[in-house]
Protein backbone atom coordinates (compact mmCIF):
# COMPACT_ATOMS: atom_id res chain seq x y z
CA MET A 1 14.09 -102.70 7.55
CA ASN A 2 12.03 -101.97 10.63
CA GLN A 3 9.06 -101.04 8.43
CA TYR A 4 9.40 -104.23 6.40
CA LYS A 5 9.78 -106.46 9.46
CA THR A 6 6.76 -104.91 11.20
CA LYS A 7 4.71 -104.69 7.99
CA ALA A 8 4.06 -101.03 8.78
CA PHE A 9 2.57 -100.32 5.36
CA LYS A 10 0.17 -102.36 3.28
CA GLY A 11 1.56 -103.24 -0.11
CA TYR A 12 3.64 -105.74 -2.02
CA THR A 13 6.19 -106.39 0.72
CA SER A 14 3.63 -107.00 3.45
CA LYS A 15 1.32 -109.00 1.17
CA TYR A 16 4.09 -111.38 0.10
CA ASN A 17 5.95 -111.39 3.43
CA CYS A 18 9.10 -109.79 1.99
CA ASP A 19 11.02 -108.98 5.14
CA LYS A 20 14.51 -110.34 4.49
CA LEU A 21 17.47 -108.34 3.24
CA VAL A 22 19.33 -110.76 0.97
CA TYR A 23 21.26 -108.28 -1.21
CA CYS A 24 22.29 -104.66 -1.13
CA GLU A 25 24.48 -102.24 -3.03
CA GLU A 26 25.82 -98.88 -1.89
CA TYR A 27 25.84 -95.73 -4.01
CA ASP A 28 27.08 -92.18 -3.50
CA SER A 29 23.87 -90.61 -4.76
CA ILE A 30 20.18 -91.39 -4.71
CA ASP A 31 20.08 -90.91 -8.48
CA GLU A 32 22.63 -93.69 -9.04
CA ALA A 33 20.71 -95.97 -6.67
CA ILE A 34 17.41 -95.35 -8.47
CA VAL A 35 18.98 -96.08 -11.87
CA ARG A 36 20.34 -99.37 -10.53
CA GLU A 37 17.04 -100.30 -8.90
CA LEU A 38 15.24 -99.77 -12.20
CA GLN A 39 17.83 -101.91 -14.00
CA ILE A 40 17.23 -104.74 -11.55
CA LYS A 41 13.44 -104.43 -11.75
CA LYS A 42 13.50 -104.43 -15.57
CA GLY A 43 15.48 -107.68 -15.67
CA ASN A 44 13.90 -111.07 -15.74
CA ARG A 45 13.55 -113.10 -12.56
CA LYS A 46 16.17 -115.63 -13.60
CA ASN A 47 18.86 -112.95 -13.89
CA THR A 48 17.75 -111.10 -10.76
CA GLY A 49 18.97 -113.95 -8.58
CA LYS A 50 22.47 -114.01 -10.07
CA PRO A 51 23.95 -111.13 -8.02
CA ILE A 52 22.26 -112.47 -4.88
CA ASN A 53 23.63 -115.95 -5.44
CA SER A 54 27.11 -114.56 -6.03
CA ILE A 55 27.34 -112.94 -2.58
CA ASN A 56 24.65 -114.72 -0.57
CA PRO A 57 24.02 -118.19 -2.06
CA GLU A 58 21.97 -119.34 0.94
CA TRP A 59 19.81 -116.21 0.80
CA LYS A 60 20.35 -115.54 4.50
CA ASP A 61 18.82 -112.41 5.98
CA LEU A 62 21.67 -109.90 6.03
CA SER A 63 19.81 -107.82 8.62
CA ASP A 64 19.81 -110.63 11.21
CA GLY A 65 21.34 -109.29 14.37
CA TRP A 66 20.49 -105.68 13.61
CA LEU A 67 18.93 -103.95 16.57
CA PHE A 68 15.49 -102.58 15.81
CA TYR A 69 13.58 -100.22 18.05
CA PHE A 70 9.85 -100.55 17.59
CA ASP A 71 7.40 -97.76 18.28
CA LYS A 72 4.86 -98.70 20.92
């Protein structure tokens, strides 16, 4: 999240100011997480919002209040 919030890398997230965590899922393995990420990315935009709306209907930043240490 620190990299997203500080826009440490040029790319989609920095270009479109994507720096809020509105949804997350936890998996036991990276392979399971990658499969799920690809499922979400393959879906259409209308359906992508459904899981977010089910747990975070106001789309609040779930990382608010996290303590970030920034490199100087």
